[in-house]
């Protein structure tokens, strides 16, 4: 289902089983958060300033996401990266997009025990003069995703969660660039 985000400035196809978390709790202005009613997965869309002081901004954002969530990155499992996607915008700007995925250990709902979580992260780089990084992340308990994420083959054919994430990211569209400060 095509969903309007940030007042319609961005649209994204979000599965119908995901509901807007702002109806349940407060969400920061630079985020849109959706939770899956069929599982404990969550989808977060976040607008940040572009990171310019690092060569691999995607891995930087992945590590920052773990830090912000007080999660531990599973160092035994390599961070998986995928091919770059070039999304088109309504202004014919190429929106360079990189996707990474890995395993993190995070406590949910203020518990002490850290659960194993599959984290898929897409970073959509909006070029100058807008200069923003838009993060789209899908977090799901490891048991709810296909274990092939852990294998050398990281493909949409073998991982339904990754396939769904690609569909979500591929539907991304910026409709109104006034959302970004210039």
N, C-alpha and C. Protein backbone atom coordinates (compact mmCIF):
# COMPACT_ATOMS: atom_id res chain seq x y z
N UNK A 1 0.84 -1.17 0.00
CA UNK A 1 0.00 0.00 0.00
C UNK A 1 0.89 1.25 0.00
N UNK A 2 0.65 2.16 -0.92
CA UNK A 2 1.44 3.39 -0.97
C UNK A 2 1.04 4.28 0.20
N UNK A 3 2.04 4.67 0.97
CA UNK A 3 1.83 5.45 2.18
C UNK A 3 2.53 6.79 2.05
N UNK A 4 1.84 7.86 2.42
CA UNK A 4 2.44 9.19 2.42
C UNK A 4 3.19 9.40 3.72
N UNK A 5 4.43 9.82 3.60
CA UNK A 5 5.27 10.09 4.76
C UNK A 5 5.63 11.56 4.80
N UNK A 6 5.89 12.07 5.98
CA UNK A 6 6.29 13.47 6.16
C UNK A 6 5.34 14.41 5.42
N UNK A 7 4.04 14.24 5.67
CA UNK A 7 3.03 15.10 5.07
C UNK A 7 2.88 14.93 3.57
N UNK A 8 3.28 13.78 3.03
CA UNK A 8 3.16 13.51 1.61
C UNK A 8 4.40 13.86 0.81
N UNK A 9 5.42 14.41 1.47
CA UNK A 9 6.66 14.78 0.77
C UNK A 9 7.39 13.55 0.23
N UNK A 10 7.20 12.41 0.88
CA UNK A 10 7.79 11.14 0.45
C UNK A 10 6.68 10.10 0.43
N UNK A 11 6.72 9.20 -0.55
CA UNK A 11 5.81 8.07 -0.55
C UNK A 11 6.62 6.78 -0.59
N UNK A 12 6.02 5.75 -0.02
CA UNK A 12 6.68 4.45 0.11
C UNK A 12 5.58 3.39 0.19
N UNK A 13 5.79 2.25 -0.45
CA UNK A 13 4.83 1.15 -0.35
C UNK A 13 5.17 0.32 0.88
N UNK A 14 4.29 0.38 1.85
CA UNK A 14 4.48 -0.32 3.11
C UNK A 14 3.44 -1.44 3.19
N UNK A 15 3.85 -2.65 3.57
CA UNK A 15 2.89 -3.75 3.67
C UNK A 15 1.71 -3.39 4.58
N UNK A 16 0.53 -3.89 4.25
CA UNK A 16 -0.69 -3.53 4.98
C UNK A 16 -0.67 -3.99 6.43
N UNK A 17 0.16 -4.96 6.77
CA UNK A 17 0.22 -5.44 8.16
C UNK A 17 0.98 -4.48 9.07
N UNK A 18 1.61 -3.46 8.50
CA UNK A 18 2.35 -2.47 9.30
C UNK A 18 1.43 -1.29 9.62
N UNK A 19 1.44 -0.88 10.89
CA UNK A 19 0.63 0.26 11.31
C UNK A 19 1.54 1.40 11.77
N UNK A 20 1.02 2.60 11.69
CA UNK A 20 1.76 3.81 12.07
C UNK A 20 1.96 3.82 13.59
N UNK A 21 3.20 3.78 14.03
CA UNK A 21 3.51 3.74 15.47
C UNK A 21 3.16 5.04 16.18
N UNK A 22 2.99 6.14 15.42
CA UNK A 22 2.65 7.41 16.07
C UNK A 22 1.25 7.38 16.67
N UNK A 23 0.45 6.38 16.30
CA UNK A 23 -0.86 6.21 16.93
C UNK A 23 -0.73 5.53 18.29
N UNK A 24 0.47 4.98 18.57
CA UNK A 24 0.72 4.25 19.81
C UNK A 24 1.66 4.98 20.76
N UNK A 25 2.59 5.75 20.19
CA UNK A 25 3.60 6.43 21.00
C UNK A 25 4.13 7.64 20.24
N UNK A 26 4.87 8.48 20.94
CA UNK A 26 5.45 9.66 20.31
C UNK A 26 6.62 9.26 19.42
N UNK A 27 6.70 9.86 18.24
CA UNK A 27 7.76 9.59 17.27
C UNK A 27 8.44 10.92 16.94
N UNK A 28 9.77 10.97 16.91
CA UNK A 28 10.47 12.23 16.57
C UNK A 28 10.03 12.77 15.20
N UNK A 29 10.10 14.08 15.02
CA UNK A 29 9.67 14.73 13.78
C UNK A 29 10.43 14.27 12.55
N UNK A 30 11.68 13.84 12.72
CA UNK A 30 12.49 13.43 11.56
C UNK A 30 12.33 11.94 11.26
N UNK A 31 11.36 11.28 11.91
CA UNK A 31 11.15 9.85 11.70
C UNK A 31 9.69 9.54 11.39
N UNK A 32 9.51 8.45 10.66
CA UNK A 32 8.21 7.80 10.51
C UNK A 32 8.47 6.36 10.93
N UNK A 33 7.63 5.81 11.81
CA UNK A 33 7.85 4.47 12.34
C UNK A 33 6.59 3.64 12.14
N UNK A 34 6.77 2.43 11.65
CA UNK A 34 5.68 1.49 11.44
C UNK A 34 6.03 0.17 12.10
N UNK A 35 5.03 -0.45 12.73
CA UNK A 35 5.24 -1.75 13.37
C UNK A 35 4.31 -2.77 12.71
N UNK A 36 4.83 -3.97 12.59
CA UNK A 36 4.09 -5.06 11.95
C UNK A 36 3.17 -5.70 12.98
N UNK A 37 1.88 -5.73 12.69
CA UNK A 37 0.92 -6.34 13.61
C UNK A 37 1.00 -7.85 13.59
N UNK A 38 1.63 -8.42 12.57
CA UNK A 38 1.75 -9.87 12.46
C UNK A 38 3.03 -10.40 13.11
N UNK A 39 3.93 -9.51 13.47
CA UNK A 39 5.20 -9.92 14.09
C UNK A 39 5.68 -8.74 14.93
N UNK A 40 6.88 -8.82 15.43
CA UNK A 40 7.41 -7.67 16.17
C UNK A 40 8.43 -6.90 15.34
N UNK A 41 8.31 -6.99 14.03
CA UNK A 41 9.20 -6.24 13.13
C UNK A 41 8.81 -4.77 13.13
N UNK A 42 9.78 -3.92 12.83
CA UNK A 42 9.51 -2.49 12.72
C UNK A 42 10.21 -1.92 11.49
N UNK A 43 9.60 -0.90 10.92
CA UNK A 43 10.13 -0.20 9.76
C UNK A 43 10.26 1.26 10.16
N UNK A 44 11.48 1.80 10.01
CA UNK A 44 11.74 3.18 10.41
C UNK A 44 12.32 3.94 9.23
N UNK A 45 11.74 5.11 8.95
CA UNK A 45 12.24 6.00 7.92
C UNK A 45 12.69 7.26 8.66
N UNK A 46 13.96 7.63 8.44
CA UNK A 46 14.54 8.74 9.20
C UNK A 46 15.32 9.65 8.26
N UNK A 47 15.15 10.96 8.43
CA UNK A 47 15.88 11.94 7.63
C UNK A 47 16.99 12.54 8.48
N UNK A 48 18.21 12.47 7.96
CA UNK A 48 19.39 13.00 8.66
C UNK A 48 20.20 13.87 7.71
N UNK A 49 21.07 14.70 8.27
CA UNK A 49 22.02 15.43 7.44
C UNK A 49 22.98 14.42 6.81
N UNK A 50 23.44 14.72 5.61
CA UNK A 50 24.41 13.83 4.95
C UNK A 50 25.68 13.73 5.77
N UNK A 51 26.18 12.53 5.84
CA UNK A 51 27.47 12.29 6.49
C UNK A 51 28.54 12.50 5.43
N UNK A 52 29.45 13.43 5.69
CA UNK A 52 30.48 13.73 4.68
C UNK A 52 31.88 13.39 5.13
N UNK A 53 32.04 13.08 6.41
CA UNK A 53 33.39 12.86 6.93
C UNK A 53 33.79 11.39 7.01
N UNK A 54 33.11 10.55 6.26
CA UNK A 54 33.46 9.13 6.23
C UNK A 54 33.31 8.60 4.82
N UNK A 55 34.18 7.68 4.46
CA UNK A 55 34.16 7.12 3.11
C UNK A 55 32.95 6.21 2.90
N UNK A 56 32.64 5.38 3.89
CA UNK A 56 31.52 4.46 3.75
C UNK A 56 30.39 4.89 4.67
N UNK A 57 29.57 5.80 4.17
CA UNK A 57 28.50 6.36 4.99
C UNK A 57 27.44 5.32 5.36
N UNK A 58 27.27 4.29 4.55
CA UNK A 58 26.27 3.26 4.86
C UNK A 58 26.67 2.49 6.11
N UNK A 59 27.93 2.05 6.17
CA UNK A 59 28.40 1.33 7.36
C UNK A 59 28.41 2.25 8.58
N UNK A 60 28.71 3.52 8.37
CA UNK A 60 28.67 4.49 9.46
C UNK A 60 27.26 4.55 10.05
N UNK A 61 26.25 4.69 9.18
CA UNK A 61 24.87 4.78 9.66
C UNK A 61 24.44 3.48 10.34
N UNK A 62 24.89 2.33 9.83
CA UNK A 62 24.56 1.04 10.44
C UNK A 62 25.11 0.99 11.87
N UNK A 63 26.36 1.37 12.03
CA UNK A 63 26.98 1.37 13.36
C UNK A 63 26.31 2.39 14.28
N UNK A 64 25.95 3.55 13.73
CA UNK A 64 25.28 4.59 14.52
C UNK A 64 23.90 4.11 14.96
N UNK A 65 23.20 3.41 14.07
CA UNK A 65 21.89 2.85 14.41
C UNK A 65 22.01 1.88 15.58
N UNK A 66 23.03 1.03 15.55
CA UNK A 66 23.26 0.09 16.66
C UNK A 66 23.53 0.86 17.95
N UNK A 67 24.36 1.88 17.87
CA UNK A 67 24.69 2.68 19.06
C UNK A 67 23.44 3.37 19.62
N UNK A 68 22.65 3.97 18.73
CA UNK A 68 21.44 4.67 19.17
C UNK A 68 20.45 3.73 19.85
N UNK A 69 20.42 2.47 19.40
CA UNK A 69 19.51 1.47 19.96
C UNK A 69 20.13 0.68 21.10
N UNK A 70 21.33 1.09 21.51
CA UNK A 70 22.08 0.38 22.55
C UNK A 70 22.19 -1.11 22.21
N UNK A 71 22.43 -1.37 20.94
CA UNK A 71 22.56 -2.74 20.44
C UNK A 71 24.03 -3.08 20.26
N UNK A 72 24.28 -4.36 20.20
CA UNK A 72 25.63 -4.87 19.95
C UNK A 72 25.62 -5.50 18.56
N UNK A 73 26.58 -5.12 17.73
CA UNK A 73 26.69 -5.71 16.39
C UNK A 73 27.37 -7.06 16.52
N UNK A 74 26.81 -8.07 15.87
CA UNK A 74 27.39 -9.41 15.88
C UNK A 74 28.61 -9.41 14.97
N UNK A 75 29.79 -9.31 15.57
CA UNK A 75 31.04 -9.23 14.81
C UNK A 75 31.41 -10.57 14.17
N UNK A 76 30.84 -11.68 14.66
CA UNK A 76 31.15 -13.00 14.08
C UNK A 76 30.47 -13.17 12.73
N UNK A 77 29.41 -12.42 12.51
CA UNK A 77 28.68 -12.48 11.25
C UNK A 77 29.01 -11.22 10.46
N UNK A 78 29.55 -11.37 9.28
CA UNK A 78 29.93 -10.18 8.51
C UNK A 78 28.72 -9.36 8.10
N UNK A 79 28.92 -8.07 8.04
CA UNK A 79 27.90 -7.16 7.54
C UNK A 79 27.74 -7.43 6.05
N UNK A 80 26.53 -7.71 5.64
CA UNK A 80 26.27 -8.02 4.23
C UNK A 80 25.93 -6.73 3.49
N UNK A 81 26.51 -6.59 2.33
CA UNK A 81 26.19 -5.43 1.50
C UNK A 81 25.62 -5.91 0.19
N UNK A 82 24.79 -5.10 -0.40
CA UNK A 82 24.19 -5.47 -1.67
C UNK A 82 24.61 -4.48 -2.74
N UNK A 83 24.14 -4.73 -3.92
CA UNK A 83 24.43 -3.82 -5.02
C UNK A 83 23.75 -2.49 -4.77
N UNK A 84 24.30 -1.49 -5.37
CA UNK A 84 23.75 -0.15 -5.24
C UNK A 84 22.50 -0.04 -6.12
N UNK A 85 21.50 0.64 -5.62
CA UNK A 85 20.30 0.94 -6.39
C UNK A 85 20.34 2.41 -6.76
N UNK A 86 19.92 2.74 -7.95
CA UNK A 86 19.78 4.14 -8.34
C UNK A 86 18.29 4.41 -8.50
N UNK A 87 17.71 5.07 -7.52
CA UNK A 87 16.29 5.42 -7.57
C UNK A 87 16.13 6.74 -8.29
N UNK A 88 15.07 6.87 -9.03
CA UNK A 88 14.79 8.12 -9.72
C UNK A 88 13.84 8.96 -8.88
N UNK A 89 14.01 10.24 -8.93
CA UNK A 89 13.10 11.14 -8.22
C UNK A 89 12.30 11.91 -9.25
N UNK A 90 11.33 12.67 -8.77
CA UNK A 90 10.52 13.45 -9.70
C UNK A 90 11.29 14.64 -10.27
N UNK A 91 12.51 14.86 -9.82
CA UNK A 91 13.35 15.93 -10.37
C UNK A 91 14.48 15.37 -11.21
N UNK A 92 14.39 14.10 -11.55
CA UNK A 92 15.42 13.41 -12.33
C UNK A 92 16.78 13.42 -11.66
N UNK A 93 16.79 13.53 -10.35
CA UNK A 93 18.03 13.38 -9.59
C UNK A 93 18.23 11.89 -9.33
N UNK A 94 19.44 11.42 -9.49
CA UNK A 94 19.71 10.03 -9.12
C UNK A 94 19.90 9.97 -7.62
N UNK A 95 19.11 9.15 -7.00
CA UNK A 95 19.20 8.98 -5.56
C UNK A 95 19.99 7.71 -5.30
N UNK A 96 21.28 7.88 -5.08
CA UNK A 96 22.16 6.74 -4.84
C UNK A 96 21.73 6.06 -3.54
N UNK A 97 21.51 4.76 -3.62
CA UNK A 97 21.01 4.02 -2.47
C UNK A 97 21.84 2.77 -2.26
N UNK A 98 22.32 2.59 -1.04
CA UNK A 98 23.07 1.39 -0.67
C UNK A 98 22.31 0.66 0.42
N UNK A 99 22.35 -0.67 0.36
CA UNK A 99 21.66 -1.49 1.35
C UNK A 99 22.67 -2.38 2.04
N UNK A 100 22.57 -2.45 3.36
CA UNK A 100 23.39 -3.37 4.15
C UNK A 100 22.46 -4.15 5.07
N UNK A 101 22.95 -5.27 5.55
CA UNK A 101 22.18 -6.07 6.49
C UNK A 101 23.10 -6.81 7.41
N UNK A 102 22.64 -7.05 8.60
CA UNK A 102 23.45 -7.77 9.57
C UNK A 102 22.64 -8.16 10.78
N UNK A 103 23.33 -8.68 11.75
CA UNK A 103 22.71 -9.12 12.99
C UNK A 103 23.16 -8.21 14.12
N UNK A 104 22.21 -7.78 14.91
CA UNK A 104 22.50 -7.00 16.11
C UNK A 104 21.78 -7.65 17.29
N UNK A 105 22.27 -7.37 18.47
CA UNK A 105 21.62 -7.83 19.70
C UNK A 105 21.10 -6.60 20.41
N UNK A 106 19.78 -6.56 20.60
CA UNK A 106 19.15 -5.38 21.20
C UNK A 106 18.06 -5.81 22.16
N UNK A 107 17.91 -5.05 23.22
CA UNK A 107 16.83 -5.28 24.18
C UNK A 107 15.59 -4.54 23.69
N UNK A 108 14.45 -5.21 23.75
CA UNK A 108 13.20 -4.58 23.34
C UNK A 108 12.34 -4.31 24.57
N UNK A 109 11.59 -3.25 24.51
CA UNK A 109 10.62 -2.90 25.54
C UNK A 109 11.26 -2.80 26.93
N UNK A 110 12.44 -2.18 26.98
CA UNK A 110 13.14 -1.92 28.24
C UNK A 110 13.48 -3.18 29.03
N UNK A 111 13.71 -4.29 28.34
CA UNK A 111 14.13 -5.51 29.01
C UNK A 111 15.65 -5.55 29.08
N UNK A 112 16.18 -6.43 29.91
CA UNK A 112 17.62 -6.56 30.05
C UNK A 112 18.19 -7.51 29.01
N UNK A 113 17.43 -8.56 28.67
CA UNK A 113 17.90 -9.57 27.73
C UNK A 113 17.94 -8.98 26.32
N UNK A 114 19.06 -9.20 25.65
CA UNK A 114 19.21 -8.70 24.28
C UNK A 114 18.84 -9.80 23.30
N UNK A 115 17.87 -9.51 22.43
CA UNK A 115 17.42 -10.45 21.41
C UNK A 115 18.26 -10.31 20.15
N UNK A 116 18.36 -11.40 19.40
CA UNK A 116 19.07 -11.37 18.12
C UNK A 116 18.12 -10.79 17.08
N UNK A 117 18.55 -9.71 16.43
CA UNK A 117 17.72 -8.97 15.50
C UNK A 117 18.40 -8.91 14.13
N UNK A 118 17.62 -9.18 13.08
CA UNK A 118 18.09 -8.94 11.72
C UNK A 118 17.81 -7.48 11.41
N UNK A 119 18.81 -6.78 10.91
CA UNK A 119 18.65 -5.37 10.58
C UNK A 119 19.03 -5.17 9.12
N UNK A 120 18.08 -4.68 8.34
CA UNK A 120 18.34 -4.28 6.96
C UNK A 120 18.27 -2.76 6.93
N UNK A 121 19.26 -2.14 6.32
CA UNK A 121 19.32 -0.68 6.29
C UNK A 121 19.61 -0.21 4.87
N UNK A 122 18.75 0.67 4.37
CA UNK A 122 18.99 1.34 3.09
C UNK A 122 19.28 2.80 3.41
N UNK A 123 20.33 3.31 2.80
CA UNK A 123 20.64 4.73 2.94
C UNK A 123 20.45 5.37 1.56
N UNK A 124 19.46 6.24 1.48
CA UNK A 124 19.17 6.98 0.25
C UNK A 124 19.87 8.32 0.37
N UNK A 125 20.83 8.55 -0.51
CA UNK A 125 21.59 9.80 -0.48
C UNK A 125 20.93 10.80 -1.42
N UNK A 126 20.44 11.90 -0.84
CA UNK A 126 19.84 12.97 -1.62
C UNK A 126 20.94 13.99 -1.88
N UNK A 127 21.28 14.23 -3.16
CA UNK A 127 22.43 15.07 -3.48
C UNK A 127 22.19 16.56 -3.22
N UNK A 128 23.27 17.33 -3.31
CA UNK A 128 23.21 18.78 -3.17
C UNK A 128 22.26 19.31 -4.24
N UNK A 129 21.56 20.36 -3.98
CA UNK A 129 21.69 21.26 -2.84
C UNK A 129 20.93 20.81 -1.59
N UNK A 130 20.30 19.64 -1.62
CA UNK A 130 19.47 19.19 -0.49
C UNK A 130 20.30 18.49 0.58
N UNK A 131 21.26 17.69 0.18
CA UNK A 131 22.24 17.05 1.06
C UNK A 131 21.63 16.41 2.30
N UNK A 132 20.93 15.31 2.08
CA UNK A 132 20.34 14.56 3.18
C UNK A 132 20.60 13.07 2.98
N UNK A 133 20.65 12.35 4.08
CA UNK A 133 20.67 10.90 4.05
C UNK A 133 19.35 10.44 4.63
N UNK A 134 18.62 9.65 3.87
CA UNK A 134 17.36 9.10 4.35
C UNK A 134 17.60 7.63 4.66
N UNK A 135 17.37 7.26 5.90
CA UNK A 135 17.58 5.89 6.34
C UNK A 135 16.24 5.16 6.37
N UNK A 136 16.21 4.00 5.75
CA UNK A 136 15.05 3.12 5.80
C UNK A 136 15.55 1.83 6.43
N UNK A 137 15.05 1.50 7.61
CA UNK A 137 15.52 0.29 8.28
C UNK A 137 14.37 -0.63 8.62
N UNK A 138 14.63 -1.92 8.46
CA UNK A 138 13.69 -2.96 8.84
C UNK A 138 14.37 -3.81 9.89
N UNK A 139 13.77 -3.88 11.06
CA UNK A 139 14.31 -4.64 12.18
C UNK A 139 13.34 -5.76 12.50
N UNK A 140 13.84 -6.99 12.52
CA UNK A 140 12.98 -8.13 12.81
C UNK A 140 13.74 -9.12 13.67
N UNK A 141 13.07 -9.70 14.67
CA UNK A 141 13.73 -10.75 15.44
C UNK A 141 14.25 -11.82 14.50
N UNK A 142 15.43 -12.31 14.78
CA UNK A 142 16.11 -13.23 13.86
C UNK A 142 15.25 -14.42 13.50
N UNK A 143 14.49 -14.94 14.42
CA UNK A 143 13.66 -16.11 14.16
C UNK A 143 12.58 -15.85 13.12
N UNK A 144 12.27 -14.57 12.87
CA UNK A 144 11.22 -14.24 11.92
C UNK A 144 11.77 -14.00 10.51
N UNK A 145 13.06 -14.10 10.34
CA UNK A 145 13.65 -13.92 9.02
C UNK A 145 14.34 -15.19 8.60
N UNK A 146 14.59 -15.33 7.34
CA UNK A 146 15.24 -16.53 6.82
C UNK A 146 16.69 -16.56 7.25
N UNK A 147 17.12 -17.68 7.77
CA UNK A 147 18.49 -17.82 8.28
C UNK A 147 19.54 -17.70 7.19
N UNK A 148 19.15 -17.66 5.93
CA UNK A 148 20.14 -17.54 4.86
C UNK A 148 20.86 -16.21 4.90
N UNK A 149 20.35 -15.25 5.67
CA UNK A 149 21.09 -13.99 5.84
C UNK A 149 22.49 -14.29 6.32
N UNK A 150 22.63 -15.35 7.11
CA UNK A 150 23.91 -15.68 7.69
C UNK A 150 24.85 -16.36 6.69
N UNK A 151 24.31 -16.84 5.60
CA UNK A 151 25.12 -17.54 4.61
C UNK A 151 25.80 -16.57 3.66
N UNK A 152 26.76 -17.09 2.92
CA UNK A 152 27.48 -16.26 1.96
C UNK A 152 26.55 -15.74 0.87
N UNK A 153 25.51 -16.50 0.55
CA UNK A 153 24.57 -16.07 -0.47
C UNK A 153 23.50 -15.21 0.20
N UNK A 154 23.45 -13.96 -0.20
CA UNK A 154 22.49 -13.02 0.38
C UNK A 154 21.60 -12.58 -0.76
N UNK A 155 20.52 -13.33 -1.00
CA UNK A 155 19.71 -13.06 -2.18
C UNK A 155 18.24 -12.97 -1.82
N UNK A 156 17.51 -12.22 -2.61
CA UNK A 156 16.09 -12.06 -2.38
C UNK A 156 15.34 -13.37 -2.61
N UNK A 157 15.90 -14.26 -3.43
CA UNK A 157 15.25 -15.55 -3.68
C UNK A 157 15.23 -16.41 -2.42
N UNK A 158 16.22 -16.27 -1.56
CA UNK A 158 16.35 -17.12 -0.38
C UNK A 158 15.92 -16.44 0.91
N UNK A 159 15.58 -15.19 0.87
CA UNK A 159 15.29 -14.47 2.10
C UNK A 159 14.04 -13.60 1.91
N UNK A 160 12.87 -14.07 2.36
CA UNK A 160 11.63 -13.32 2.16
C UNK A 160 11.66 -11.93 2.79
N UNK A 161 12.30 -11.79 3.95
CA UNK A 161 12.36 -10.47 4.60
C UNK A 161 13.17 -9.50 3.74
N UNK A 162 14.26 -9.99 3.18
CA UNK A 162 15.08 -9.14 2.31
C UNK A 162 14.31 -8.78 1.04
N UNK A 163 13.57 -9.74 0.49
CA UNK A 163 12.76 -9.47 -0.71
C UNK A 163 11.73 -8.39 -0.42
N UNK A 164 11.07 -8.48 0.73
CA UNK A 164 10.08 -7.47 1.11
C UNK A 164 10.75 -6.11 1.29
N UNK A 165 11.93 -6.11 1.88
CA UNK A 165 12.65 -4.86 2.09
C UNK A 165 13.02 -4.21 0.76
N UNK A 166 13.48 -5.01 -0.21
CA UNK A 166 13.80 -4.47 -1.53
C UNK A 166 12.56 -3.86 -2.18
N UNK A 167 11.40 -4.51 -2.03
CA UNK A 167 10.18 -3.96 -2.61
C UNK A 167 9.84 -2.62 -1.97
N UNK A 168 10.00 -2.55 -0.65
CA UNK A 168 9.72 -1.29 0.05
C UNK A 168 10.66 -0.19 -0.44
N UNK A 169 11.95 -0.48 -0.45
CA UNK A 169 12.94 0.53 -0.85
C UNK A 169 12.76 0.94 -2.31
N UNK A 170 12.47 -0.02 -3.17
CA UNK A 170 12.30 0.28 -4.60
C UNK A 170 11.11 1.19 -4.87
N UNK A 171 10.16 1.24 -3.95
CA UNK A 171 8.97 2.08 -4.14
C UNK A 171 9.19 3.52 -3.65
N UNK A 172 10.33 3.79 -3.06
CA UNK A 172 10.64 5.10 -2.47
C UNK A 172 10.54 6.21 -3.51
N UNK A 173 9.86 7.30 -3.15
CA UNK A 173 9.76 8.45 -4.06
C UNK A 173 9.69 9.74 -3.25
N UNK A 174 10.49 10.72 -3.65
CA UNK A 174 10.41 12.05 -3.06
C UNK A 174 9.49 12.88 -3.95
N UNK A 175 8.44 13.42 -3.37
CA UNK A 175 7.46 14.21 -4.11
C UNK A 175 7.63 15.71 -3.90
N UNK A 176 8.21 16.10 -2.77
CA UNK A 176 8.33 17.51 -2.44
C UNK A 176 9.67 17.77 -1.76
N UNK A 177 10.56 18.42 -2.48
CA UNK A 177 11.91 18.68 -1.97
C UNK A 177 11.97 19.82 -0.96
N UNK A 178 10.86 20.52 -0.74
CA UNK A 178 10.87 21.56 0.29
C UNK A 178 11.00 20.95 1.69
N UNK A 179 10.88 19.64 1.78
CA UNK A 179 11.10 18.93 3.04
C UNK A 179 12.54 19.11 3.53
N UNK A 180 13.46 19.30 2.59
CA UNK A 180 14.88 19.39 2.93
C UNK A 180 15.34 20.85 2.97
N UNK A 181 16.08 21.19 3.99
CA UNK A 181 16.66 22.54 4.08
C UNK A 181 17.76 22.68 3.04
N UNK A 182 17.86 23.87 2.46
CA UNK A 182 18.92 24.10 1.47
C UNK A 182 19.94 25.07 2.01
